Amino acid sequence: MSGAAAETERPAGRRQPLVAVVSSVPMIFEALRDTLGLFADVQSLPAQDGTVGFLRSIRPAAVVVDDEAVLAEARDAAEELGFLLVHLSLADGRVRVFRDGAWAAVDEGDGLRPETVRDVVAAGVFSRDET
């Protein structure tokens, strides 16, 4: 990922990627905060009008979305800015990731486990850092 993505500085000077959780269900953020917080600065954003504009402003390394209403706009922003986009489909209990202009299912049958989301986000964020 380009150096344009937001990073936060840890006390020891180590930089962490910024991960935004755009959610209509507060418990989603609560479930992901500690898991993603092992390697990222995790920020909660309510799923509402204007959220995608805010994402363009903060330029996160990754975004996790559970709300269908903002998903298409988040996908457009991900294509424009190059951040990793993860969709938590609450209706069918699946995790999907948006890569190279297409959606791919992740760990079908595994459900919406925080560890699944953590692994997808970490793999996407850190593989982009190496390019």
C-alpha atoms as a PDB file:
ATOM      1  CA  MET A   1       0.000   0.000   0.000  1.00  0.00           C
ATOM      2  CA  SER A   2       1.204   3.481  -0.672  1.00  0.00           C
ATOM      3  CA  GLY A   3       2.388   5.712   2.126  1.00  0.00           C
ATOM      4  CA  ALA A   4      -0.891   7.629   1.866  1.00  0.00           C
ATOM      5  CA  ALA A   5      -2.744   5.349   4.290  1.00  0.00           C
ATOM      6  CA  ALA A   6      -3.087   6.626   7.818  1.00  0.00           C
ATOM      7  CA  GLU A   7      -0.856   5.120  10.456  1.00  0.00           C
ATOM      8  CA  THR A   8      -0.653   5.815  14.138  1.00  0.00           C
ATOM      9  CA  GLU A   9       2.487   5.832  16.218  1.00  0.00           C
ATOM     10  CA  ARG A  10       2.870   3.454  19.132  1.00  0.00           C
ATOM     11  CA  PRO A  11       4.786   4.566  22.208  1.00  0.00           C
ATOM     12  CA  ALA A  12       7.862   2.611  21.107  1.00  0.00           C
ATOM     13  CA  GLY A  13       7.788   4.412  17.745  1.00  0.00           C
ATOM     14  CA  ARG A  14       6.293   1.475  15.845  1.00  0.00           C
ATOM     15  CA  ARG A  15       3.664   2.491  13.324  1.00  0.00           C
ATOM     16  CA  GLN A  16       0.290   0.757  13.165  1.00  0.00           C
ATOM     17  CA  PRO A  17      -2.133   0.730  10.247  1.00  0.00           C
ATOM     18  CA  LEU A  18      -5.490   2.418  10.723  1.00  0.00           C
ATOM     19  CA  VAL A  19      -8.491   0.083  10.402  1.00  0.00           C
ATOM     20  CA  ALA A  20     -11.990   1.587  10.305  1.00  0.00           C
ATOM     21  CA  VAL A  21     -14.971  -0.518  11.325  1.00  0.00           C
ATOM     22  CA  VAL A  22     -18.096   0.928   9.680  1.00  0.00           C
ATOM     23  CA  SER A  23     -20.969  -0.715  11.451  1.00  0.00           C
ATOM     24  CA  SER A  24     -24.675  -0.442  12.098  1.00  0.00           C
ATOM     25  CA  VAL A  25     -24.283  -2.935  14.971  1.00  0.00           C
ATOM     26  CA  PRO A  26     -22.144  -1.619  17.856  1.00  0.00           C
ATOM     27  CA  MET A  27     -21.374  -5.152  19.052  1.00  0.00           C
ATOM     28  CA  ILE A  28     -19.450  -5.763  15.809  1.00  0.00           C
ATOM     29  CA  PHE A  29     -16.914  -3.090  16.753  1.00  0.00           C
ATOM     30  CA  GLU A  30     -16.728  -4.422  20.298  1.00  0.00           C
ATOM     31  CA  ALA A  31     -15.988  -7.914  18.975  1.00  0.00           C
ATOM     32  CA  LEU A  32     -13.276  -6.689  16.584  1.00  0.00           C
ATOM     33  CA  ARG A  33     -11.580  -3.972  18.631  1.00  0.00           C
ATOM     34  CA  ASP A  34      -9.302  -6.178  20.727  1.00  0.00           C
ATOM     35  CA  THR A  35      -8.633  -8.723  17.988  1.00  0.00           C
ATOM     36  CA  LEU A  36      -7.623  -6.132  15.383  1.00  0.00           C
ATOM     37  CA  GLY A  37      -6.011  -3.967  18.053  1.00  0.00           C
ATOM     38  CA  LEU A  38      -3.151  -6.455  18.301  1.00  0.00           C
ATOM     39  CA  PHE A  39      -1.655  -4.891  15.160  1.00  0.00           C
ATOM     40  CA  ALA A  40      -3.787  -1.859  14.221  1.00  0.00           C
ATOM     41  CA  ASP A  41      -5.349   1.340  15.463  1.00  0.00           C
ATOM     42  CA  VAL A  42      -9.057   0.450  15.251  1.00  0.00           C
ATOM     43  CA  GLN A  43     -11.648   3.204  14.882  1.00  0.00           C
ATOM     44  CA  SER A  44     -15.417   2.804  14.932  1.00  0.00           C
ATOM     45  CA  LEU A  45     -17.545   4.755  12.472  1.00  0.00           C
ATOM     46  CA  PRO A  46     -21.341   4.604  12.408  1.00  0.00           C
ATOM     47  CA  ALA A  47     -22.837   3.409   9.127  1.00  0.00           C
ATOM     48  CA  GLN A  48     -24.621   6.543   7.920  1.00  0.00           C
ATOM     49  CA  ASP A  49     -24.615   9.121   5.154  1.00  0.00           C
ATOM     50  CA  GLY A  50     -21.245  10.829   4.933  1.00  0.00           C
ATOM     51  CA  THR A  51     -19.235   7.932   6.315  1.00  0.00           C
ATOM     52  CA  VAL A  52     -17.547   7.225   2.991  1.00  0.00           C
ATOM     53  CA  GLY A  53     -16.487  10.861   2.676  1.00  0.00           C
ATOM     54  CA  PHE A  54     -14.897  10.543   6.084  1.00  0.00           C
ATOM     55  CA  LEU A  55     -13.050   7.414   4.922  1.00  0.00           C
ATOM     56  CA  ARG A  56     -11.627   9.424   2.039  1.00  0.00           C
ATOM     57  CA  SER A  57     -10.377  11.965   4.586  1.00  0.00           C
ATOM     58  CA  ILE A  58      -8.690   9.555   7.005  1.00  0.00           C
ATOM     59  CA  ARG A  59      -7.382   7.146   4.306  1.00  0.00           C
ATOM     60  CA  PRO A  60      -7.371   3.921   6.347  1.00  0.00           C
ATOM     61  CA  ALA A  61      -5.315   0.884   5.447  1.00  0.00           C
ATOM     62  CA  ALA A  62      -8.415  -1.313   5.775  1.00  0.00           C
ATOM     63  CA  VAL A  63     -12.151  -0.944   6.281  1.00  0.00           C
ATOM     64  CA  VAL A  64     -14.553  -3.518   7.698  1.00  0.00           C
ATOM     65  CA  VAL A  65     -18.219  -2.896   6.766  1.00  0.00           C
ATOM     66  CA  ASP A  66     -21.338  -4.703   7.974  1.00  0.00           C
ATOM     67  CA  ASP A  67     -23.953  -2.351   6.524  1.00  0.00           C
ATOM     68  CA  GLU A  68     -25.338  -2.982   3.041  1.00  0.00           C
ATOM     69  CA  ALA A  69     -26.406   0.666   2.630  1.00  0.00           C
ATOM     70  CA  VAL A  70     -22.825   1.991   2.632  1.00  0.00           C
ATOM     71  CA  LEU A  71     -21.172  -1.029   1.023  1.00  0.00           C
ATOM     72  CA  ALA A  72     -21.286   0.133  -2.625  1.00  0.00           C
ATOM     73  CA  GLU A  73     -19.844   3.538  -1.732  1.00  0.00           C
ATOM     74  CA  ALA A  74     -17.170   1.904   0.425  1.00  0.00           C
ATOM     75  CA  ARG A  75     -16.262  -0.353  -2.510  1.00  0.00           C
ATOM     76  CA  ASP A  76     -15.891   2.692  -4.782  1.00  0.00           C
ATOM     77  CA  ALA A  77     -13.676   4.395  -2.199  1.00  0.00           C
ATOM     78  CA  ALA A  78     -11.582   1.219  -1.823  1.00  0.00           C
ATOM     79  CA  GLU A  79     -10.999   1.132  -5.579  1.00  0.00           C
ATOM     80  CA  GLU A  80     -10.127   4.816  -5.619  1.00  0.00           C
ATOM     81  CA  LEU A  81      -7.837   4.853  -2.571  1.00  0.00           C
ATOM     82  CA  GLY A  82      -6.518   1.288  -2.560  1.00  0.00           C
ATOM     83  CA  PHE A  83      -7.523   0.269   0.957  1.00  0.00           C
ATOM     84  CA  LEU A  84      -8.512  -3.292   1.838  1.00  0.00           C
ATOM     85  CA  LEU A  85     -12.294  -3.710   2.127  1.00  0.00           C
ATOM     86  CA  VAL A  86     -13.837  -6.511   4.176  1.00  0.00           C
ATOM     87  CA  HIS A  87     -17.591  -7.094   4.166  1.00  0.00           C
ATOM     88  CA  LEU A  88     -19.319  -8.848   7.027  1.00  0.00           C
ATOM     89  CA  SER A  89     -22.545 -10.155   5.542  1.00  0.00           C
ATOM     90  CA  LEU A  90     -24.812 -10.348   8.552  1.00  0.00           C
ATOM     91  CA  ALA A  91     -27.657 -11.865   6.528  1.00  0.00           C
ATOM     92  CA  ASP A  92     -25.756 -15.027   5.592  1.00  0.00           C
ATOM     93  CA  GLY A  93     -22.924 -15.059   8.146  1.00  0.00           C
ATOM     94  CA  ARG A  94     -20.116 -14.754   5.597  1.00  0.00           C
ATOM     95  CA  VAL A  95     -16.935 -12.733   5.353  1.00  0.00           C
ATOM     96  CA  ARG A  96     -15.998 -11.375   1.943  1.00  0.00           C
ATOM     97  CA  VAL A  97     -12.990  -9.385   0.796  1.00  0.00           C
ATOM     98  CA  PHE A  98     -12.837  -6.964  -2.136  1.00  0.00           C
ATOM     99  CA  ARG A  99      -9.661  -7.477  -4.186  1.00  0.00           C
ATOM    100  CA  ASP A 100      -8.715  -6.537  -7.716  1.00  0.00           C
ATOM    101  CA  GLY A 101     -12.209  -5.327  -8.544  1.00  0.00           C
ATOM    102  CA  ALA A 102     -14.058  -8.448  -7.372  1.00  0.00           C
ATOM    103  CA  TRP A 103     -15.510  -9.937  -4.198  1.00  0.00           C
ATOM    104  CA  ALA A 104     -14.140 -13.219  -2.836  1.00  0.00           C
ATOM    105  CA  ALA A 105     -15.647 -15.279  -0.017  1.00  0.00           C
ATOM    106  CA  VAL A 106     -13.360 -16.086   2.899  1.00  0.00           C
ATOM    107  CA  ASP A 107     -13.518 -19.289   4.958  1.00  0.00           C
ATOM    108  CA  GLU A 108     -16.999 -20.283   3.910  1.00  0.00           C
ATOM    109  CA  GLY A 109     -18.744 -22.070   6.719  1.00  0.00           C
ATOM    110  CA  ASP A 110     -16.483 -20.451   9.316  1.00  0.00           C
ATOM    111  CA  GLY A 111     -18.994 -17.715  10.035  1.00  0.00           C
ATOM    112  CA  LEU A 112     -18.406 -14.219  11.338  1.00  0.00           C
ATOM    113  CA  ARG A 113     -15.651 -14.992  13.807  1.00  0.00           C
ATOM    114  CA  PRO A 114     -13.400 -12.099  14.916  1.00  0.00           C
ATOM    115  CA  GLU A 115     -10.357 -14.290  14.265  1.00  0.00           C
ATOM    116  CA  THR A 116     -11.382 -14.764  10.638  1.00  0.00           C
ATOM    117  CA  VAL A 117     -11.695 -11.000  10.177  1.00  0.00           C
ATOM    118  CA  ARG A 118      -8.365 -10.457  11.957  1.00  0.00           C
ATOM    119  CA  ASP A 119      -6.575 -12.901   9.663  1.00  0.00           C
ATOM    120  CA  VAL A 120      -8.045 -11.375   6.499  1.00  0.00           C
ATOM    121  CA  VAL A 121      -7.241  -7.819   7.550  1.00  0.00           C
ATOM    122  CA  ALA A 122      -3.709  -8.674   8.707  1.00  0.00           C
ATOM    123  CA  ALA A 123      -2.930 -10.575   5.513  1.00  0.00           C
ATOM    124  CA  GLY A 124      -4.233  -7.751   3.341  1.00  0.00           C
ATOM    125  CA  VAL A 125      -2.594  -4.916   5.242  1.00  0.00           C
ATOM    126  CA  PHE A 126       0.808  -6.510   5.685  1.00  0.00           C
ATOM    127  CA  SER A 127       1.022  -7.934   2.172  1.00  0.00           C
ATOM    128  CA  ARG A 128       0.416  -4.435   0.810  1.00  0.00           C
ATOM    129  CA  ASP A 129       3.198  -3.058   3.006  1.00  0.00           C
ATOM    130  CA  GLU A 130       5.657  -5.390   1.311  1.00  0.00           C
ATOM    131  CA  THR A 131       4.857  -4.187  -2.217  1.00  0.00           C
END
